Amino acid sequence: MAEDHGGEEFLFKIVLIGDSAVGKSNLLSRFARNEFDSNSKATIGVEFQTQVVEIDGKEVKAQIWDTAGQERFRAVTSAYYRGAAAALVVYDITRRSTFDSVKRWLDELGVHCDTATVRMLVGNKCDLENIREVSVEEGKNVAEEEGLFFMETSALDSTNVRTAFEVVIKEIYNNLSRKILNSDSYKAELSENRVSLADGTVSKNSFSCCSR
């Protein structure tokens, strides 16, 4: 999902998914507002925050959606995936059951999103090392098997939170850039800006990628 109008050059939708109480809402509030609420209530339905990130000198707006992880809100989440350019699948490193649910969340993602959707596995609450139930290696292994980015975060002390979102946003941007470069309209525009000479060589005087 991308838009281009004036200063807001790109707008990407990113969804947070995972079991209830893994810290999705606090990851979002830490990234968007640098806040952490230790008394955070379960999210009811859907809410989102917008954050601006600069990539390659361009302004990228990330619209990050947070939904309830509880089963009773599954009906809400199916529409919620629409138009998502990326998804962060979050589990709590101190609760193995939330890690065991990752495969189910990935299956759901596969149903509602196409394969181009950027995916990252996030092991949250890494500040609680003393009560860890899921090792870093286990998280990495699942990510490798499923072709996901992987990162452990702590919304509490902000470890890797901004980095996780920025990695995903940059990957969406890179994918979009590749898509544009490979599109027929871009190639047509490129060929129109080149002058074919009689011997079949291409003149660069009317088009240069490096002109200033």
N, C-alpha and C. Protein backbone atom coordinates (compact mmCIF):
# COMPACT_ATOMS: atom_id res chain seq x y z
N MET A 1 0.86 -1.18 0.00
CA MET A 1 0.00 0.00 0.00
C MET A 1 0.90 1.23 0.00
N ALA A 2 0.85 2.00 -1.08
CA ALA A 2 1.72 3.16 -1.17
C ALA A 2 1.00 4.32 -1.81
N GLU A 3 1.30 5.49 -1.34
CA GLU A 3 0.70 6.69 -1.91
C GLU A 3 1.81 7.69 -2.16
N ASP A 4 1.55 8.59 -3.11
CA ASP A 4 2.54 9.60 -3.43
C ASP A 4 1.83 10.92 -3.63
N HIS A 5 1.89 11.79 -2.63
CA HIS A 5 1.27 13.10 -2.79
C HIS A 5 1.98 14.10 -1.89
N GLY A 6 2.71 15.00 -2.57
CA GLY A 6 3.41 16.04 -1.83
C GLY A 6 4.42 15.48 -0.87
N GLY A 7 4.37 15.98 0.37
CA GLY A 7 5.35 15.58 1.38
C GLY A 7 5.20 14.15 1.84
N GLU A 8 3.98 13.62 1.82
CA GLU A 8 3.75 12.25 2.25
C GLU A 8 3.97 11.33 1.06
N GLU A 9 5.21 10.88 0.90
CA GLU A 9 5.54 10.16 -0.32
C GLU A 9 5.07 8.71 -0.30
N PHE A 10 5.09 8.09 0.85
CA PHE A 10 4.68 6.70 0.95
C PHE A 10 3.88 6.47 2.22
N LEU A 11 2.89 5.58 2.12
CA LEU A 11 2.13 5.18 3.30
C LEU A 11 2.01 3.66 3.28
N PHE A 12 2.56 3.02 4.30
CA PHE A 12 2.56 1.56 4.39
C PHE A 12 1.74 1.12 5.59
N LYS A 13 0.91 0.11 5.40
CA LYS A 13 0.15 -0.46 6.51
C LYS A 13 0.90 -1.68 7.06
N ILE A 14 1.11 -1.67 8.36
CA ILE A 14 1.79 -2.78 9.04
C ILE A 14 0.86 -3.30 10.13
N VAL A 15 0.69 -4.62 10.21
CA VAL A 15 -0.20 -5.18 11.23
C VAL A 15 0.61 -5.94 12.29
N LEU A 16 0.15 -5.86 13.52
CA LEU A 16 0.73 -6.61 14.63
C LEU A 16 -0.22 -7.76 14.95
N ILE A 17 0.30 -8.98 14.95
CA ILE A 17 -0.53 -10.13 15.29
C ILE A 17 0.18 -11.00 16.32
N GLY A 18 -0.59 -11.85 16.98
CA GLY A 18 -0.04 -12.70 18.03
C GLY A 18 -1.05 -12.85 19.15
N ASP A 19 -0.77 -13.77 20.05
CA ASP A 19 -1.70 -14.03 21.16
C ASP A 19 -1.89 -12.80 22.04
N SER A 20 -2.94 -12.86 22.84
CA SER A 20 -3.22 -11.78 23.78
C SER A 20 -2.10 -11.67 24.82
N ALA A 21 -1.81 -10.44 25.21
CA ALA A 21 -0.85 -10.13 26.29
C ALA A 21 0.61 -10.46 25.97
N VAL A 22 0.95 -10.51 24.67
CA VAL A 22 2.37 -10.68 24.32
C VAL A 22 3.09 -9.34 24.26
N GLY A 23 2.31 -8.25 24.33
CA GLY A 23 2.93 -6.92 24.34
C GLY A 23 2.81 -6.14 23.05
N LYS A 24 1.85 -6.52 22.20
CA LYS A 24 1.70 -5.84 20.90
C LYS A 24 1.41 -4.35 21.08
N SER A 25 0.48 -4.03 21.98
CA SER A 25 0.09 -2.62 22.17
C SER A 25 1.25 -1.79 22.70
N ASN A 26 2.05 -2.39 23.60
CA ASN A 26 3.18 -1.65 24.15
C ASN A 26 4.32 -1.51 23.13
N LEU A 27 4.46 -2.48 22.23
CA LEU A 27 5.44 -2.32 21.15
C LEU A 27 5.05 -1.12 20.28
N LEU A 28 3.75 -1.04 19.98
CA LEU A 28 3.25 0.07 19.17
C LEU A 28 3.43 1.41 19.88
N SER A 29 3.05 1.49 21.16
CA SER A 29 3.15 2.77 21.87
C SER A 29 4.61 3.16 22.10
N ARG A 30 5.48 2.16 22.27
CA ARG A 30 6.92 2.47 22.43
C ARG A 30 7.48 3.04 21.13
N PHE A 31 7.10 2.46 20.01
CA PHE A 31 7.60 2.93 18.72
C PHE A 31 7.00 4.28 18.33
N ALA A 32 5.68 4.42 18.49
CA ALA A 32 4.99 5.62 18.02
C ALA A 32 5.13 6.80 18.96
N ARG A 33 5.12 6.54 20.28
CA ARG A 33 5.12 7.65 21.24
C ARG A 33 6.21 7.55 22.30
N ASN A 34 7.04 6.50 22.19
CA ASN A 34 8.09 6.23 23.20
C ASN A 34 7.50 6.13 24.60
N GLU A 35 6.35 5.44 24.69
CA GLU A 35 5.67 5.24 25.97
C GLU A 35 5.51 3.76 26.26
N PHE A 36 5.42 3.44 27.55
CA PHE A 36 5.14 2.07 27.97
C PHE A 36 4.14 2.14 29.11
N ASP A 37 3.06 1.36 28.98
CA ASP A 37 2.02 1.36 30.01
C ASP A 37 2.01 0.00 30.69
N SER A 38 2.48 -0.04 31.93
CA SER A 38 2.55 -1.31 32.65
C SER A 38 1.16 -1.82 33.01
N ASN A 39 0.15 -0.95 32.94
CA ASN A 39 -1.23 -1.36 33.22
C ASN A 39 -2.06 -1.45 31.95
N SER A 40 -1.37 -1.71 30.83
CA SER A 40 -2.04 -1.78 29.54
C SER A 40 -3.18 -2.80 29.56
N LYS A 41 -4.35 -2.35 29.09
CA LYS A 41 -5.52 -3.22 29.02
C LYS A 41 -5.53 -3.97 27.69
N ALA A 42 -6.23 -5.08 27.64
CA ALA A 42 -6.35 -5.82 26.39
C ALA A 42 -7.02 -4.94 25.34
N THR A 43 -6.48 -4.99 24.14
CA THR A 43 -7.05 -4.19 23.06
C THR A 43 -8.41 -4.77 22.66
N ILE A 44 -9.38 -3.90 22.53
CA ILE A 44 -10.71 -4.32 22.09
C ILE A 44 -10.87 -3.88 20.65
N GLY A 45 -11.02 -4.83 19.75
CA GLY A 45 -11.15 -4.47 18.35
C GLY A 45 -9.82 -4.07 17.75
N VAL A 46 -9.77 -2.90 17.10
CA VAL A 46 -8.58 -2.48 16.36
C VAL A 46 -8.24 -1.03 16.66
N GLU A 47 -6.95 -0.74 16.75
CA GLU A 47 -6.52 0.66 16.83
C GLU A 47 -5.22 0.79 16.05
N PHE A 48 -4.89 2.00 15.62
CA PHE A 48 -3.62 2.16 14.89
C PHE A 48 -2.98 3.50 15.19
N GLN A 49 -1.67 3.54 14.95
CA GLN A 49 -0.87 4.75 15.13
C GLN A 49 -0.08 4.96 13.83
N THR A 50 0.20 6.21 13.52
CA THR A 50 1.01 6.50 12.34
C THR A 50 2.33 7.11 12.77
N GLN A 51 3.40 6.62 12.17
CA GLN A 51 4.74 7.10 12.50
C GLN A 51 5.49 7.39 11.21
N VAL A 52 6.25 8.47 11.19
CA VAL A 52 7.01 8.84 10.00
C VAL A 52 8.47 8.41 10.16
N VAL A 53 8.99 7.77 9.12
CA VAL A 53 10.40 7.34 9.10
C VAL A 53 11.00 7.83 7.79
N GLU A 54 12.24 8.27 7.84
CA GLU A 54 12.90 8.72 6.60
C GLU A 54 13.79 7.62 6.06
N ILE A 55 13.58 7.28 4.78
CA ILE A 55 14.40 6.26 4.12
C ILE A 55 14.88 6.83 2.79
N ASP A 56 16.18 6.81 2.57
CA ASP A 56 16.77 7.33 1.34
C ASP A 56 16.29 8.75 1.02
N GLY A 57 16.14 9.55 2.07
CA GLY A 57 15.73 10.93 1.88
C GLY A 57 14.24 11.11 1.60
N LYS A 58 13.50 10.01 1.65
CA LYS A 58 12.06 10.09 1.40
C LYS A 58 11.29 9.88 2.70
N GLU A 59 10.16 10.57 2.79
CA GLU A 59 9.33 10.46 3.98
C GLU A 59 8.38 9.26 3.82
N VAL A 60 8.51 8.31 4.73
CA VAL A 60 7.67 7.12 4.71
C VAL A 60 6.78 7.12 5.94
N LYS A 61 5.47 7.03 5.73
CA LYS A 61 4.54 6.96 6.85
C LYS A 61 4.15 5.51 7.06
N ALA A 62 4.38 5.03 8.27
CA ALA A 62 3.97 3.67 8.62
C ALA A 62 2.71 3.76 9.46
N GLN A 63 1.65 3.14 8.97
CA GLN A 63 0.40 3.09 9.71
C GLN A 63 0.34 1.70 10.36
N ILE A 64 0.56 1.67 11.67
CA ILE A 64 0.71 0.39 12.37
C ILE A 64 -0.57 0.04 13.10
N TRP A 65 -1.13 -1.11 12.76
CA TRP A 65 -2.41 -1.56 13.30
C TRP A 65 -2.20 -2.61 14.38
N ASP A 66 -2.94 -2.43 15.44
CA ASP A 66 -2.87 -3.35 16.58
C ASP A 66 -4.25 -3.93 16.81
N THR A 67 -4.33 -5.23 16.97
CA THR A 67 -5.62 -5.86 17.20
C THR A 67 -5.58 -6.78 18.40
N ALA A 68 -6.75 -7.11 18.89
CA ALA A 68 -6.84 -8.03 20.02
C ALA A 68 -6.39 -9.42 19.59
N GLY A 69 -5.64 -10.10 20.46
CA GLY A 69 -5.19 -11.45 20.15
C GLY A 69 -6.19 -12.51 20.56
N GLN A 70 -7.20 -12.12 21.35
CA GLN A 70 -8.15 -13.11 21.84
C GLN A 70 -8.98 -13.70 20.71
N GLU A 71 -9.28 -14.98 20.85
CA GLU A 71 -10.02 -15.69 19.83
C GLU A 71 -11.36 -15.02 19.49
N ARG A 72 -12.02 -14.43 20.47
CA ARG A 72 -13.35 -13.89 20.20
C ARG A 72 -13.31 -12.70 19.24
N PHE A 73 -12.13 -12.16 18.99
CA PHE A 73 -12.03 -11.04 18.05
C PHE A 73 -11.49 -11.47 16.69
N ARG A 74 -11.45 -12.76 16.43
CA ARG A 74 -10.91 -13.23 15.16
C ARG A 74 -11.68 -12.65 13.97
N ALA A 75 -12.99 -12.44 14.13
CA ALA A 75 -13.80 -11.89 13.05
C ALA A 75 -13.33 -10.49 12.67
N VAL A 76 -12.86 -9.75 13.67
CA VAL A 76 -12.36 -8.39 13.42
C VAL A 76 -11.05 -8.47 12.64
N THR A 77 -10.21 -9.42 13.01
CA THR A 77 -8.87 -9.44 12.43
C THR A 77 -8.84 -9.86 10.96
N SER A 78 -9.84 -10.58 10.47
CA SER A 78 -9.78 -11.02 9.07
C SER A 78 -9.81 -9.82 8.11
N ALA A 79 -10.64 -8.82 8.38
CA ALA A 79 -10.68 -7.63 7.52
C ALA A 79 -9.44 -6.76 7.76
N TYR A 80 -8.91 -6.89 8.93
CA TYR A 80 -7.78 -6.08 9.39
C TYR A 80 -6.52 -6.29 8.56
N TYR A 81 -6.36 -7.48 7.99
CA TYR A 81 -5.18 -7.77 7.18
C TYR A 81 -5.18 -7.05 5.83
N ARG A 82 -6.34 -6.61 5.37
CA ARG A 82 -6.45 -6.08 4.01
C ARG A 82 -5.49 -4.92 3.76
N GLY A 83 -4.72 -5.04 2.69
CA GLY A 83 -3.80 -3.97 2.31
C GLY A 83 -2.52 -3.91 3.12
N ALA A 84 -2.29 -4.90 3.99
CA ALA A 84 -1.09 -4.88 4.82
C ALA A 84 0.16 -5.15 3.99
N ALA A 85 1.14 -4.28 4.12
CA ALA A 85 2.42 -4.47 3.42
C ALA A 85 3.38 -5.30 4.26
N ALA A 86 3.11 -5.38 5.58
CA ALA A 86 3.98 -6.15 6.47
C ALA A 86 3.22 -6.59 7.70
N ALA A 87 3.72 -7.63 8.33
CA ALA A 87 3.13 -8.12 9.58
C ALA A 87 4.25 -8.49 10.55
N LEU A 88 4.08 -8.07 11.80
CA LEU A 88 4.96 -8.51 12.88
C LEU A 88 4.20 -9.55 13.69
N VAL A 89 4.73 -10.77 13.71
CA VAL A 89 4.11 -11.86 14.47
C VAL A 89 4.82 -11.91 15.82
N VAL A 90 4.09 -11.55 16.87
CA VAL A 90 4.72 -11.35 18.19
C VAL A 90 4.38 -12.49 19.15
N TYR A 91 5.40 -12.95 19.87
CA TYR A 91 5.19 -13.89 20.97
C TYR A 91 5.94 -13.38 22.19
N ASP A 92 5.62 -13.96 23.34
CA ASP A 92 6.23 -13.57 24.61
C ASP A 92 7.26 -14.64 24.97
N ILE A 93 8.53 -14.25 25.09
CA ILE A 93 9.59 -15.25 25.34
C ILE A 93 9.41 -15.96 26.68
N THR A 94 8.56 -15.43 27.56
CA THR A 94 8.36 -16.06 28.88
C THR A 94 7.13 -16.99 28.90
N ARG A 95 6.43 -17.08 27.76
CA ARG A 95 5.24 -17.95 27.70
C ARG A 95 5.31 -18.80 26.44
N ARG A 96 5.71 -20.06 26.61
CA ARG A 96 5.89 -20.95 25.46
C ARG A 96 4.61 -21.10 24.65
N SER A 97 3.47 -21.05 25.31
CA SER A 97 2.20 -21.23 24.58
C SER A 97 2.04 -20.18 23.48
N THR A 98 2.55 -18.97 23.72
CA THR A 98 2.42 -17.90 22.72
C THR A 98 3.35 -18.17 21.53
N PHE A 99 4.46 -18.83 21.79
CA PHE A 99 5.40 -19.23 20.72
C PHE A 99 4.80 -20.38 19.92
N ASP A 100 4.14 -21.29 20.62
CA ASP A 100 3.49 -22.42 19.94
C ASP A 100 2.38 -21.96 19.00
N SER A 101 1.82 -20.79 19.28
CA SER A 101 0.74 -20.25 18.44
C SER A 101 1.24 -19.58 17.17
N VAL A 102 2.55 -19.37 17.06
CA VAL A 102 3.10 -18.63 15.92
C VAL A 102 2.70 -19.25 14.59
N LYS A 103 2.77 -20.58 14.51
CA LYS A 103 2.44 -21.27 13.25
C LYS A 103 1.00 -20.97 12.84
N ARG A 104 0.09 -20.95 13.81
CA ARG A 104 -1.32 -20.67 13.50
C ARG A 104 -1.47 -19.24 12.97
N TRP A 105 -0.76 -18.30 13.61
CA TRP A 105 -0.84 -16.91 13.14
C TRP A 105 -0.26 -16.78 11.72
N LEU A 106 0.81 -17.50 11.45
CA LEU A 106 1.40 -17.47 10.11
C LEU A 106 0.45 -18.07 9.08
N ASP A 107 -0.25 -19.14 9.48
CA ASP A 107 -1.24 -19.75 8.57
C ASP A 107 -2.34 -18.75 8.25
N GLU A 108 -2.80 -18.04 9.28
CA GLU A 108 -3.86 -17.04 9.08
C GLU A 108 -3.37 -15.92 8.17
N LEU A 109 -2.12 -15.51 8.39
CA LEU A 109 -1.51 -14.47 7.56
C LEU A 109 -1.47 -14.93 6.10
N GLY A 110 -1.12 -16.20 5.91
CA GLY A 110 -1.05 -16.75 4.55
C GLY A 110 -2.38 -16.75 3.84
N VAL A 111 -3.46 -16.91 4.60
CA VAL A 111 -4.81 -16.92 4.03
C VAL A 111 -5.21 -15.51 3.58
N HIS A 112 -4.87 -14.51 4.40
CA HIS A 112 -5.37 -13.15 4.16
C HIS A 112 -4.42 -12.23 3.40
N CYS A 113 -3.13 -12.59 3.34
CA CYS A 113 -2.15 -11.70 2.68
C CYS A 113 -1.39 -12.47 1.60
N ASP A 114 -0.91 -11.74 0.61
CA ASP A 114 -0.14 -12.43 -0.43
C ASP A 114 1.30 -12.63 0.03
N THR A 115 2.04 -13.37 -0.79
CA THR A 115 3.41 -13.75 -0.39
C THR A 115 4.37 -12.57 -0.35
N ALA A 116 3.98 -11.45 -0.97
CA ALA A 116 4.86 -10.28 -0.98
C ALA A 116 4.87 -9.54 0.36
N THR A 117 3.92 -9.87 1.23
CA THR A 117 3.85 -9.20 2.53
C THR A 117 5.10 -9.50 3.35
N VAL A 118 5.77 -8.46 3.81
CA VAL A 118 6.99 -8.63 4.62
C VAL A 118 6.59 -9.17 5.99
N ARG A 119 7.31 -10.18 6.47
CA ARG A 119 6.96 -10.81 7.74
C ARG A 119 8.17 -10.81 8.68
N MET A 120 7.91 -10.48 9.93
CA MET A 120 8.96 -10.56 10.95
C MET A 120 8.42 -11.27 12.18
N LEU A 121 9.23 -12.18 12.71
CA LEU A 121 8.90 -12.85 13.97
C LEU A 121 9.56 -12.07 15.09
N VAL A 122 8.76 -11.69 16.09
CA VAL A 122 9.27 -10.87 17.19
C VAL A 122 9.07 -11.58 18.52
N GLY A 123 10.19 -11.85 19.20
CA GLY A 123 10.13 -12.41 20.55
C GLY A 123 10.19 -11.25 21.53
N ASN A 124 9.06 -10.90 22.12
CA ASN A 124 9.00 -9.73 23.00
C ASN A 124 9.28 -10.09 24.46
N LYS A 125 9.56 -9.07 25.26
CA LYS A 125 9.84 -9.17 26.70
C LYS A 125 11.20 -9.81 26.99
N CYS A 126 12.20 -9.49 26.14
CA CYS A 126 13.53 -10.08 26.35
C CYS A 126 14.21 -9.51 27.60
N ASP A 127 13.61 -8.49 28.24
CA ASP A 127 14.14 -8.00 29.52
C ASP A 127 13.90 -9.02 30.64
N LEU A 128 12.98 -9.97 30.41
CA LEU A 128 12.65 -10.97 31.44
C LEU A 128 13.45 -12.26 31.22
N GLU A 129 14.74 -12.09 31.03
CA GLU A 129 15.64 -13.21 30.73
C GLU A 129 15.56 -14.31 31.80
N ASN A 130 15.37 -13.90 33.06
CA ASN A 130 15.39 -14.87 34.18
C ASN A 130 14.20 -15.83 34.17
N ILE A 131 13.12 -15.46 33.43
CA ILE A 131 11.97 -16.39 33.37
C ILE A 131 11.67 -16.78 31.91
N ARG A 132 12.70 -16.72 31.08
CA ARG A 132 12.57 -17.08 29.66
C ARG A 132 12.16 -18.55 29.51
N GLU A 133 11.20 -18.80 28.61
CA GLU A 133 10.80 -20.17 28.28
C GLU A 133 11.13 -20.56 26.84
N VAL A 134 11.42 -19.54 26.02
CA VAL A 134 11.74 -19.79 24.60
C VAL A 134 13.12 -19.22 24.31
N SER A 135 14.04 -20.06 23.85
CA SER A 135 15.41 -19.60 23.60
C SER A 135 15.48 -18.77 22.32
N VAL A 136 16.54 -17.97 22.22
CA VAL A 136 16.78 -17.18 21.02
C VAL A 136 16.90 -18.11 19.82
N GLU A 137 17.60 -19.25 20.02
CA GLU A 137 17.83 -20.20 18.93
C GLU A 137 16.51 -20.74 18.39
N GLU A 138 15.57 -21.03 19.28
CA GLU A 138 14.27 -21.55 18.84
C GLU A 138 13.55 -20.53 17.96
N GLY A 139 13.60 -19.27 18.38
CA GLY A 139 12.98 -18.21 17.59
C GLY A 139 13.64 -18.10 16.23
N LYS A 140 14.98 -18.10 16.21
CA LYS A 140 15.72 -17.99 14.96
C LYS A 140 15.41 -19.16 14.03
N ASN A 141 15.32 -20.35 14.60
CA ASN A 141 15.06 -21.54 13.79
C ASN A 141 13.71 -21.47 13.09
N VAL A 142 12.68 -21.06 13.83
CA VAL A 142 11.35 -20.94 13.23
C VAL A 142 11.37 -19.87 12.13
N ALA A 143 12.05 -18.75 12.41
CA ALA A 143 12.13 -17.67 11.43
C ALA A 143 12.82 -18.15 10.15
N GLU A 144 13.90 -18.93 10.31
CA GLU A 144 14.61 -19.44 9.14
C GLU A 144 13.75 -20.42 8.35
N GLU A 145 13.06 -21.29 9.06
CA GLU A 145 12.18 -22.27 8.40
C GLU A 145 11.08 -21.59 7.61
N GLU A 146 10.55 -20.52 8.16
CA GLU A 146 9.39 -19.85 7.55
C GLU A 146 9.78 -18.67 6.65
N GLY A 147 11.08 -18.37 6.57
CA GLY A 147 11.53 -17.25 5.74
C GLY A 147 11.17 -15.89 6.29
N LEU A 148 11.29 -15.75 7.62
CA LEU A 148 10.91 -14.50 8.28
C LEU A 148 12.13 -13.74 8.77
N PHE A 149 12.01 -12.44 8.90
CA PHE A 149 12.99 -11.68 9.67
C PHE A 149 12.76 -12.07 11.13
N PHE A 150 13.79 -11.91 11.97
CA PHE A 150 13.63 -12.25 13.39
C PHE A 150 14.32 -11.23 14.27
N MET A 151 13.67 -10.90 15.37
CA MET A 151 14.28 -9.99 16.34
C MET A 151 13.64 -10.20 17.71
N GLU A 152 14.46 -10.09 18.76
CA GLU A 152 13.91 -10.09 20.11
C GLU A 152 13.85 -8.64 20.57
N THR A 153 12.77 -8.29 21.24
CA THR A 153 12.54 -6.90 21.65
C THR A 153 12.12 -6.83 23.12
N SER A 154 12.17 -5.61 23.64
CA SER A 154 11.57 -5.33 24.94
C SER A 154 10.88 -3.99 24.84
N ALA A 155 9.55 -4.02 24.91
CA ALA A 155 8.81 -2.76 24.90
C ALA A 155 9.07 -2.00 26.20
N LEU A 156 9.38 -2.72 27.27
CA LEU A 156 9.63 -2.10 28.57
C LEU A 156 10.87 -1.21 28.53
N ASP A 157 12.00 -1.76 28.09
CA ASP A 157 13.23 -0.94 28.07
C ASP A 157 13.61 -0.48 26.66
N SER A 158 12.71 -0.70 25.72
CA SER A 158 12.80 -0.26 24.31
C SER A 158 13.88 -0.95 23.48
N THR A 159 14.41 -2.06 23.96
CA THR A 159 15.42 -2.81 23.20
C THR A 159 14.86 -3.24 21.85
N ASN A 160 15.55 -2.84 20.79
CA ASN A 160 15.26 -3.26 19.40
C ASN A 160 13.88 -2.90 18.87
N VAL A 161 13.08 -2.14 19.60
CA VAL A 161 11.72 -1.85 19.14
C VAL A 161 11.76 -1.02 17.86
N ARG A 162 12.47 0.09 17.93
CA ARG A 162 12.55 0.95 16.74
C ARG A 162 13.23 0.21 15.59
N THR A 163 14.28 -0.54 15.91
CA THR A 163 15.01 -1.29 14.88
C THR A 163 14.10 -2.27 14.17
N ALA A 164 13.27 -3.00 14.93
CA ALA A 164 12.37 -3.99 14.33
C ALA A 164 11.44 -3.34 13.31
N PHE A 165 10.81 -2.25 13.71
CA PHE A 165 9.89 -1.57 12.78
C PHE A 165 10.64 -1.00 11.58
N GLU A 166 11.82 -0.43 11.82
CA GLU A 166 12.57 0.18 10.72
C GLU A 166 13.06 -0.85 9.71
N VAL A 167 13.46 -2.03 10.19
CA VAL A 167 13.88 -3.11 9.28
C VAL A 167 12.73 -3.48 8.35
N VAL A 168 11.55 -3.63 8.94
CA VAL A 168 10.36 -4.01 8.17
C VAL A 168 9.98 -2.90 7.18
N ILE A 169 9.97 -1.66 7.64
CA ILE A 169 9.60 -0.53 6.77
C ILE A 169 10.59 -0.41 5.61
N LYS A 170 11.87 -0.57 5.90
CA LYS A 170 12.89 -0.47 4.85
C LYS A 170 12.72 -1.60 3.83
N GLU A 171 12.37 -2.79 4.30
CA GLU A 171 12.18 -3.92 3.39
C GLU A 171 10.96 -3.69 2.49
N ILE A 172 9.88 -3.13 3.04
CA ILE A 172 8.70 -2.81 2.22
C ILE A 172 9.12 -1.80 1.14
N TYR A 173 9.84 -0.79 1.57
CA TYR A 173 10.29 0.26 0.66
C TYR A 173 11.17 -0.33 -0.45
N ASN A 174 12.10 -1.20 -0.07
CA ASN A 174 12.99 -1.82 -1.06
C ASN A 174 12.21 -2.69 -2.05
N ASN A 175 11.24 -3.44 -1.52
CA ASN A 175 10.41 -4.28 -2.38
C ASN A 175 9.63 -3.43 -3.38
N LEU A 176 9.08 -2.32 -2.87
CA LEU A 176 8.32 -1.43 -3.73
C LEU A 176 9.22 -0.82 -4.80
N SER A 177 10.42 -0.43 -4.41
CA SER A 177 11.37 0.16 -5.36
C SER A 177 11.71 -0.84 -6.46
N ARG A 178 11.94 -2.11 -6.06
CA ARG A 178 12.25 -3.15 -7.06
C ARG A 178 11.06 -3.36 -7.99
N LYS A 179 9.87 -3.34 -7.42
CA LYS A 179 8.65 -3.54 -8.20
C LYS A 179 8.49 -2.43 -9.23
N ILE A 180 8.74 -1.20 -8.80
CA ILE A 180 8.63 -0.06 -9.71
C ILE A 180 9.68 -0.16 -10.82
N LEU A 181 10.91 -0.51 -10.43
CA LEU A 181 11.99 -0.62 -11.41
C LEU A 181 11.72 -1.71 -12.44
N ASN A 182 11.02 -2.78 -12.01
CA ASN A 182 10.75 -3.90 -12.91
C ASN A 182 9.43 -3.77 -13.66
N SER A 183 8.67 -2.73 -13.37
CA SER A 183 7.35 -2.59 -14.01
C SER A 183 7.50 -2.20 -15.47
N ASP A 184 6.55 -2.63 -16.28
CA ASP A 184 6.59 -2.34 -17.71
C ASP A 184 6.53 -0.83 -17.97
N SER A 185 5.74 -0.11 -17.17
CA SER A 185 5.60 1.33 -17.40
C SER A 185 6.93 2.04 -17.15
N TYR A 186 7.67 1.56 -16.11
CA TYR A 186 8.96 2.19 -15.83
C TYR A 186 9.94 1.89 -16.97
N LYS A 187 9.94 0.63 -17.43
CA LYS A 187 10.84 0.25 -18.52
C LYS A 187 10.51 1.03 -19.79
N ALA A 188 9.19 1.22 -20.03
CA ALA A 188 8.77 1.98 -21.22
C ALA A 188 9.25 3.42 -21.12
N GLU A 189 9.12 3.98 -19.92
CA GLU A 189 9.56 5.37 -19.70
C GLU A 189 11.06 5.49 -19.92
N LEU A 190 11.77 4.47 -19.46
CA LEU A 190 13.22 4.46 -19.61
C LEU A 190 13.61 4.43 -21.08
N SER A 191 12.93 3.56 -21.85
CA SER A 191 13.27 3.43 -23.27
C SER A 191 12.90 4.68 -24.06
N GLU A 192 11.83 5.36 -23.65
CA GLU A 192 11.44 6.60 -24.32
C GLU A 192 12.49 7.68 -24.12
N ASN A 193 13.21 7.61 -23.01
CA ASN A 193 14.22 8.62 -22.70
C ASN A 193 15.60 8.29 -23.28
N ARG A 194 15.64 7.22 -24.03
CA ARG A 194 16.90 6.86 -24.68
C ARG A 194 16.74 7.07 -26.20
N VAL A 195 17.80 7.46 -26.87
CA VAL A 195 17.75 7.69 -28.32
C VAL A 195 18.55 6.58 -29.00
N SER A 196 17.86 5.77 -29.78
CA SER A 196 18.56 4.69 -30.48
C SER A 196 19.26 5.24 -31.71
N LEU A 197 20.52 4.89 -31.86
CA LEU A 197 21.29 5.33 -33.01
C LEU A 197 21.26 4.25 -34.09
N ALA A 198 21.69 4.62 -35.25
CA ALA A 198 21.61 3.71 -36.40
C ALA A 198 22.36 2.39 -36.16
N ASP A 199 23.48 2.45 -35.44
CA ASP A 199 24.27 1.22 -35.26
C ASP A 199 23.77 0.38 -34.09
N GLY A 200 22.66 0.80 -33.49
CA GLY A 200 22.09 0.00 -32.41
C GLY A 200 22.59 0.36 -31.03
N THR A 201 23.55 1.30 -30.94
CA THR A 201 24.01 1.71 -29.62
C THR A 201 23.00 2.70 -29.03
N VAL A 202 23.11 2.97 -27.76
CA VAL A 202 22.16 3.86 -27.09
C VAL A 202 22.86 5.12 -26.62
N SER A 203 22.32 6.25 -27.04
CA SER A 203 22.88 7.54 -26.63
C SER A 203 22.42 7.87 -25.22
N LYS A 204 23.33 8.40 -24.42
CA LYS A 204 22.97 8.76 -23.05
C LYS A 204 22.70 10.25 -22.90
N ASN A 205 22.80 11.00 -24.03
CA ASN A 205 22.72 12.45 -23.85
C ASN A 205 21.32 12.94 -23.46
N SER A 206 20.28 12.16 -23.74
CA SER A 206 18.95 12.62 -23.36
C SER A 206 18.48 12.01 -22.03
N PHE A 207 19.24 11.07 -21.51
CA PHE A 207 18.85 10.44 -20.24
C PHE A 207 20.08 9.99 -19.49
N SER A 208 20.19 10.40 -18.28
CA SER A 208 21.30 9.93 -17.47
C SER A 208 20.81 9.70 -16.04
N CYS A 209 21.12 8.52 -15.52
CA CYS A 209 20.69 8.22 -14.15
C CYS A 209 21.46 9.05 -13.13
N CYS A 210 22.56 9.61 -13.58
CA CYS A 210 23.42 10.31 -12.62
C CYS A 210 23.40 11.83 -12.81
N SER A 211 22.47 12.33 -13.61
CA SER A 211 22.44 13.78 -13.83
C SER A 211 22.08 14.51 -12.54
N ARG A 212 22.65 15.70 -12.38
CA ARG A 212 22.39 16.47 -11.15
C ARG A 212 21.70 17.78 -11.50
